[in-house]
PDB file of N, CA and C in Angstrom:
ATOM      1  N   MET A   1      56.052 -50.800 -84.989  1.00  0.00           N
ATOM      2  CA  MET A   1      57.285 -50.977 -85.715  1.00  0.00           C
ATOM      3  C   MET A   1      57.595 -49.685 -86.451  1.00  0.00           C
ATOM      4  N   ILE A   2      58.819 -49.253 -86.415  1.00  0.00           N
ATOM      5  CA  ILE A   2      59.233 -48.029 -87.092  1.00  0.00           C
ATOM      6  C   ILE A   2      59.933 -48.399 -88.389  1.00  0.00           C
ATOM      7  N   ILE A   3      59.497 -47.767 -89.464  1.00  0.00           N
ATOM      8  CA  ILE A   3      60.099 -47.981 -90.774  1.00  0.00           C
ATOM      9  C   ILE A   3      61.129 -46.877 -91.004  1.00  0.00           C
ATOM     10  N   PRO A   4      62.350 -47.243 -91.393  1.00  0.00           N
ATOM     11  CA  PRO A   4      63.375 -46.218 -91.643  1.00  0.00           C
ATOM     12  C   PRO A   4      62.954 -45.242 -92.750  1.00  0.00           C
ATOM     13  N   LYS A   5      63.519 -44.055 -92.708  1.00  0.00           N
ATOM     14  CA  LYS A   5      63.235 -43.046 -93.732  1.00  0.00           C
ATOM     15  C   LYS A   5      63.514 -43.600 -95.125  1.00  0.00           C
ATOM     16  N   ARG A   6      62.703 -43.147 -96.071  1.00  0.00           N
ATOM     17  CA  ARG A   6      62.817 -43.523 -97.490  1.00  0.00           C
ATOM     18  C   ARG A   6      62.677 -45.019 -97.728  1.00  0.00           C
ATOM     19  N   GLN A   7      62.070 -45.712 -96.786  1.00  0.00           N
ATOM     20  CA  GLN A   7      61.797 -47.136 -96.957  1.00  0.00           C
ATOM     21  C   GLN A   7      60.323 -47.349 -96.683  1.00  0.00           C
ATOM     22  N   SER A   8      59.647 -48.055 -97.567  1.00  0.00           N
ATOM     23  CA  SER A   8      58.204 -48.197 -97.406  1.00  0.00           C
ATOM     24  C   SER A   8      57.793 -49.565 -96.868  1.00  0.00           C
ATOM     25  N   MET A   9      58.695 -50.492 -96.806  1.00  0.00           N
ATOM     26  CA  MET A   9      58.314 -51.847 -96.404  1.00  0.00           C
ATOM     27  C   MET A   9      59.466 -52.484 -95.641  1.00  0.00           C
ATOM     28  N   VAL A  10      59.146 -53.284 -94.679  1.00  0.00           N
ATOM     29  CA  VAL A  10      60.138 -54.018 -93.910  1.00  0.00           C
ATOM     30  C   VAL A  10      60.816 -55.032 -94.838  1.00  0.00           C
ATOM     31  N   ASP A  11      62.133 -55.175 -94.713  1.00  0.00           N
ATOM     32  CA  ASP A  11      62.865 -56.127 -95.550  1.00  0.00           C
ATOM     33  C   ASP A  11      62.253 -57.519 -95.453  1.00  0.00           C
ATOM     34  N   GLY A  12      61.980 -58.125 -96.592  1.00  0.00           N
ATOM     35  CA  GLY A  12      61.459 -59.477 -96.635  1.00  0.00           C
ATOM     36  C   GLY A  12      59.952 -59.579 -96.472  1.00  0.00           C
ATOM     37  N   LEU A  13      59.290 -58.479 -96.129  1.00  0.00           N
ATOM     38  CA  LEU A  13      57.851 -58.531 -95.904  1.00  0.00           C
ATOM     39  C   LEU A  13      57.093 -58.828 -97.197  1.00  0.00           C
ATOM     40  N   GLU A  14      57.534 -58.239 -98.296  1.00  0.00           N
ATOM     41  CA  GLU A  14      56.883 -58.530 -99.578  1.00  0.00           C
ATOM     42  C   GLU A  14      56.997 -60.011 -99.908  1.00  0.00           C
ATOM     43  N   ASN A  15      58.157 -60.605 -99.668  1.00  0.00           N
ATOM     44  CA  ASN A  15      58.343 -62.035 -99.926  1.00  0.00           C
ATOM     45  C   ASN A  15      57.434 -62.881 -99.045  1.00  0.00           C
ATOM     46  N   LYS A  16      57.255 -62.461 -97.793  1.00  0.00           N
ATOM     47  CA  LYS A  16      56.373 -63.185 -96.876  1.00  0.00           C
ATOM     48  C   LYS A  16      54.928 -63.102 -97.366  1.00  0.00           C
ATOM     49  N   ILE A  17      54.509 -61.926 -97.822  1.00  0.00           N
ATOM     50  CA  ILE A  17      53.155 -61.751 -98.343  1.00  0.00           C
ATOM     51  C   ILE A  17      52.939 -62.638 -99.558  1.00  0.00           C
ATOM     52  N   ILE A  18      53.903 -62.681-100.453  1.00  0.00           N
ATOM     53  CA  ILE A  18      53.793 -63.524-101.656  1.00  0.00           C
ATOM     54  C   ILE A  18      53.744 -64.994-101.270  1.00  0.00           C
ATOM     55  N   ALA A  19      54.549 -65.390-100.278  1.00  0.00           N
ATOM     56  CA  ALA A  19      54.555 -66.789 -99.833  1.00  0.00           C
ATOM     57  C   ALA A  19      53.200 -67.179 -99.247  1.00  0.00           C
ATOM     58  N   LEU A  20      52.609 -66.313 -98.443  1.00  0.00           N
ATOM     59  CA  LEU A  20      51.289 -66.595 -97.875  1.00  0.00           C
ATOM     60  C   LEU A  20      50.238 -66.672 -98.984  1.00  0.00           C
ATOM     61  N   TYR A  21      50.333 -65.780 -99.946  1.00  0.00           N
ATOM     62  CA  TYR A  21      49.386 -65.781-101.064  1.00  0.00           C
ATOM     63  C   TYR A  21      49.537 -67.055-101.900  1.00  0.00           C
ATOM     64  N   ALA A  22      50.767 -67.513-102.055  1.00  0.00           N
ATOM     65  CA  ALA A  22      51.025 -68.737-102.820  1.00  0.00           C
ATOM     66  C   ALA A  22      50.408 -69.956-102.128  1.00  0.00           C
ATOM     67  N   LYS A  23      50.228 -69.859-100.822  1.00  0.00           N
ATOM     68  CA  LYS A  23      49.591 -70.943-100.071  1.00  0.00           C
ATOM     69  C   LYS A  23      48.076 -70.796-100.085  1.00  0.00           C
ATOM     70  N   GLU A  24      47.590 -69.961-101.002  1.00  0.00           N
ATOM     71  CA  GLU A  24      46.165 -69.731-101.235  1.00  0.00           C
ATOM     72  C   GLU A  24      45.468 -69.076-100.050  1.00  0.00           C
ATOM     73  N   MET A  25      46.209 -68.273 -99.306  1.00  0.00           N
ATOM     74  CA  MET A  25      45.619 -67.522 -98.205  1.00  0.00           C
ATOM     75  C   MET A  25      44.964 -66.267 -98.785  1.00  0.00           C
ATOM     76  N   ILE A  26      43.769 -65.929 -98.294  1.00  0.00           N
ATOM     77  CA  ILE A  26      43.086 -64.751 -98.818  1.00  0.00           C
ATOM     78  C   ILE A  26      43.707 -63.486 -98.227  1.00  0.00           C
ATOM     79  N   ILE A  27      43.487 -62.376 -98.907  1.00  0.00           N
ATOM     80  CA  ILE A  27      44.144 -61.117 -98.559  1.00  0.00           C
ATOM     81  C   ILE A  27      43.833 -60.681 -97.128  1.00  0.00           C
ATOM     82  N   ASN A  28      42.595 -60.804 -96.697  1.00  0.00           N
ATOM     83  CA  ASN A  28      42.259 -60.412 -95.318  1.00  0.00           C
ATOM     84  C   ASN A  28      43.013 -61.257 -94.296  1.00  0.00           C
ATOM     85  N   SER A  29      43.195 -62.527 -94.584  1.00  0.00           N
ATOM     86  CA  SER A  29      43.944 -63.397 -93.672  1.00  0.00           C
ATOM     87  C   SER A  29      45.424 -63.040 -93.665  1.00  0.00           C
ATOM     88  N   ILE A  30      45.942 -62.665 -94.824  1.00  0.00           N
ATOM     89  CA  ILE A  30      47.338 -62.233 -94.904  1.00  0.00           C
ATOM     90  C   ILE A  30      47.532 -60.982 -94.054  1.00  0.00           C
ATOM     91  N   GLU A  31      46.597 -60.050 -94.157  1.00  0.00           N
ATOM     92  CA  GLU A  31      46.664 -58.819 -93.370  1.00  0.00           C
ATOM     93  C   GLU A  31      46.703 -59.145 -91.870  1.00  0.00           C
ATOM     94  N   GLU A  32      45.864 -60.054 -91.427  1.00  0.00           N
ATOM     95  CA  GLU A  32      45.835 -60.451 -90.018  1.00  0.00           C
ATOM     96  C   GLU A  32      47.139 -61.122 -89.590  1.00  0.00           C
ATOM     97  N   GLN A  33      47.666 -62.005 -90.440  1.00  0.00           N
ATOM     98  CA  GLN A  33      48.925 -62.696 -90.126  1.00  0.00           C
ATOM     99  C   GLN A  33      50.072 -61.708 -89.958  1.00  0.00           C
ATOM    100  N   ILE A  34      50.183 -60.759 -90.872  1.00  0.00           N
ATOM    101  CA  ILE A  34      51.261 -59.773 -90.802  1.00  0.00           C
ATOM    102  C   ILE A  34      51.123 -58.953 -89.519  1.00  0.00           C
ATOM    103  N   ARG A  35      49.910 -58.575 -89.181  1.00  0.00           N
ATOM    104  CA  ARG A  35      49.677 -57.803 -87.958  1.00  0.00           C
ATOM    105  C   ARG A  35      50.082 -58.607 -86.720  1.00  0.00           C
ATOM    106  N   GLU A  36      49.732 -59.887 -86.685  1.00  0.00           N
ATOM    107  CA  GLU A  36      50.051 -60.727 -85.531  1.00  0.00           C
ATOM    108  C   GLU A  36      51.546 -61.019 -85.414  1.00  0.00           C
ATOM    109  N   ILE A  37      52.172 -61.345 -86.528  1.00  0.00           N
ATOM    110  CA  ILE A  37      53.586 -61.751 -86.509  1.00  0.00           C
ATOM    111  C   ILE A  37      54.519 -60.556 -86.341  1.00  0.00           C
ATOM    112  N   TYR A  38      54.305 -59.510 -87.150  1.00  0.00           N
ATOM    113  CA  TYR A  38      55.242 -58.389 -87.200  1.00  0.00           C
ATOM    114  C   TYR A  38      54.791 -57.166 -86.402  1.00  0.00           C
ATOM    115  N   LYS A  39      53.553 -57.207 -85.867  1.00  0.00           N
ATOM    116  CA  LYS A  39      53.010 -56.032 -85.170  1.00  0.00           C
ATOM    117  C   LYS A  39      53.062 -54.811 -86.083  1.00  0.00           C
ATOM    118  N   PHE A  40      52.646 -55.016 -87.326  1.00  0.00           N
ATOM    119  CA  PHE A  40      52.762 -54.021 -88.384  1.00  0.00           C
ATOM    120  C   PHE A  40      51.496 -54.079 -89.219  1.00  0.00           C
ATOM    121  N   ASP A  41      50.902 -52.937 -89.501  1.00  0.00           N
ATOM    122  CA  ASP A  41      49.692 -52.898 -90.320  1.00  0.00           C
ATOM    123  C   ASP A  41      50.039 -52.690 -91.786  1.00  0.00           C
ATOM    124  N   VAL A  42      49.503 -53.542 -92.621  1.00  0.00           N
ATOM    125  CA  VAL A  42      49.634 -53.418 -94.070  1.00  0.00           C
ATOM    126  C   VAL A  42      48.216 -53.421 -94.617  1.00  0.00           C
ATOM    127  N   SER A  43      47.892 -52.432 -95.436  1.00  0.00           N
ATOM    128  CA  SER A  43      46.532 -52.338 -95.955  1.00  0.00           C
ATOM    129  C   SER A  43      46.253 -53.447 -96.961  1.00  0.00           C
ATOM    130  N   THR A  44      44.984 -53.767 -97.104  1.00  0.00           N
ATOM    131  CA  THR A  44      44.600 -54.785 -98.086  1.00  0.00           C
ATOM    132  C   THR A  44      44.946 -54.331 -99.491  1.00  0.00           C
ATOM    133  N   SER A  45      44.892 -53.022 -99.748  1.00  0.00           N
ATOM    134  CA  SER A  45      45.253 -52.531-101.081  1.00  0.00           C
ATOM    135  C   SER A  45      46.743 -52.734-101.357  1.00  0.00           C
ATOM    136  N   THR A  46      47.581 -52.574-100.346  1.00  0.00           N
ATOM    137  CA  THR A  46      49.016 -52.820-100.514  1.00  0.00           C
ATOM    138  C   THR A  46      49.274 -54.300-100.764  1.00  0.00           C
ATOM    139  N   ILE A  47      48.599 -55.145-100.012  1.00  0.00           N
ATOM    140  CA  ILE A  47      48.752 -56.592-100.214  1.00  0.00           C
ATOM    141  C   ILE A  47      48.295 -56.974-101.616  1.00  0.00           C
ATOM    142  N   SER A  48      47.186 -56.416-102.075  1.00  0.00           N
ATOM    143  CA  SER A  48      46.690 -56.690-103.427  1.00  0.00           C
ATOM    144  C   SER A  48      47.707 -56.257-104.482  1.00  0.00           C
ATOM    145  N   ARG A  49      48.298 -55.071-104.285  1.00  0.00           N
ATOM    146  CA  ARG A  49      49.292 -54.575-105.246  1.00  0.00           C
ATOM    147  C   ARG A  49      50.503 -55.503-105.303  1.00  0.00           C
ATOM    148  N   ILE A  50      50.951 -55.974-104.149  1.00  0.00           N
ATOM    149  CA  ILE A  50      52.113 -56.871-104.094  1.00  0.00           C
ATOM    150  C   ILE A  50      51.801 -58.208-104.767  1.00  0.00           C
ATOM    151  N   THR A  51      50.637 -58.780-104.465  1.00  0.00           N
ATOM    152  CA  THR A  51      50.294 -60.077-105.032  1.00  0.00           C
ATOM    153  C   THR A  51      50.009 -59.977-106.532  1.00  0.00           C
ATOM    154  N   GLU A  52      49.425 -58.876-106.972  1.00  0.00           N
ATOM    155  CA  GLU A  52      49.190 -58.677-108.410  1.00  0.00           C
ATOM    156  C   GLU A  52      50.501 -58.541-109.174  1.00  0.00           C
ATOM    157  N   SER A  53      51.449 -57.812-108.610  1.00  0.00           N
ATOM    158  CA  SER A  53      52.728 -57.648-109.290  1.00  0.00           C
ATOM    159  C   SER A  53      53.471 -58.971-109.368  1.00  0.00           C
ATOM    160  N   ALA A  54      53.291 -59.831-108.378  1.00  0.00           N
ATOM    161  CA  ALA A  54      53.934 -61.148-108.411  1.00  0.00           C
ATOM    162  C   ALA A  54      53.264 -62.040-109.439  1.00  0.00           C
ATOM    163  N   SER A  55      51.957 -61.893-109.607  1.00  0.00           N
ATOM    164  CA  SER A  55      51.214 -62.721-110.568  1.00  0.00           C
ATOM    165  C   SER A  55      51.563 -62.360-111.993  1.00  0.00           C
ATOM    166  N   VAL A  56      51.860 -61.099-112.251  1.00  0.00           N
ATOM    167  CA  VAL A  56      52.171 -60.620-113.595  1.00  0.00           C
ATOM    168  C   VAL A  56      53.553 -61.059-114.027  1.00  0.00           C
ATOM    169  N   SER A  57      54.484 -61.126-113.076  1.00  0.00           N
ATOM    170  CA  SER A  57      55.889 -61.442-113.415  1.00  0.00           C
ATOM    171  C   SER A  57      56.043 -62.826-113.971  1.00  0.00           C
TER     172      SER A  57
END
C-alpha cells in the first residue's frame, strides 16, 4: 500500500486500531489483523502510541 506524501497513516486506520483495542485485542493481534486486512505493516510501537493516546483522552 502506498501512503500519500505528508501523510503517515491510512484514513480511518487509527479508528480501526482503537476499535480492535476496545474489543480487548492485544497489540500483536492488532498488528496481524491490520497486515491481513489492509496489506499494510504497522509497528507495535505505533499501535501502542495510538492506543495510549486514546486511553488518555
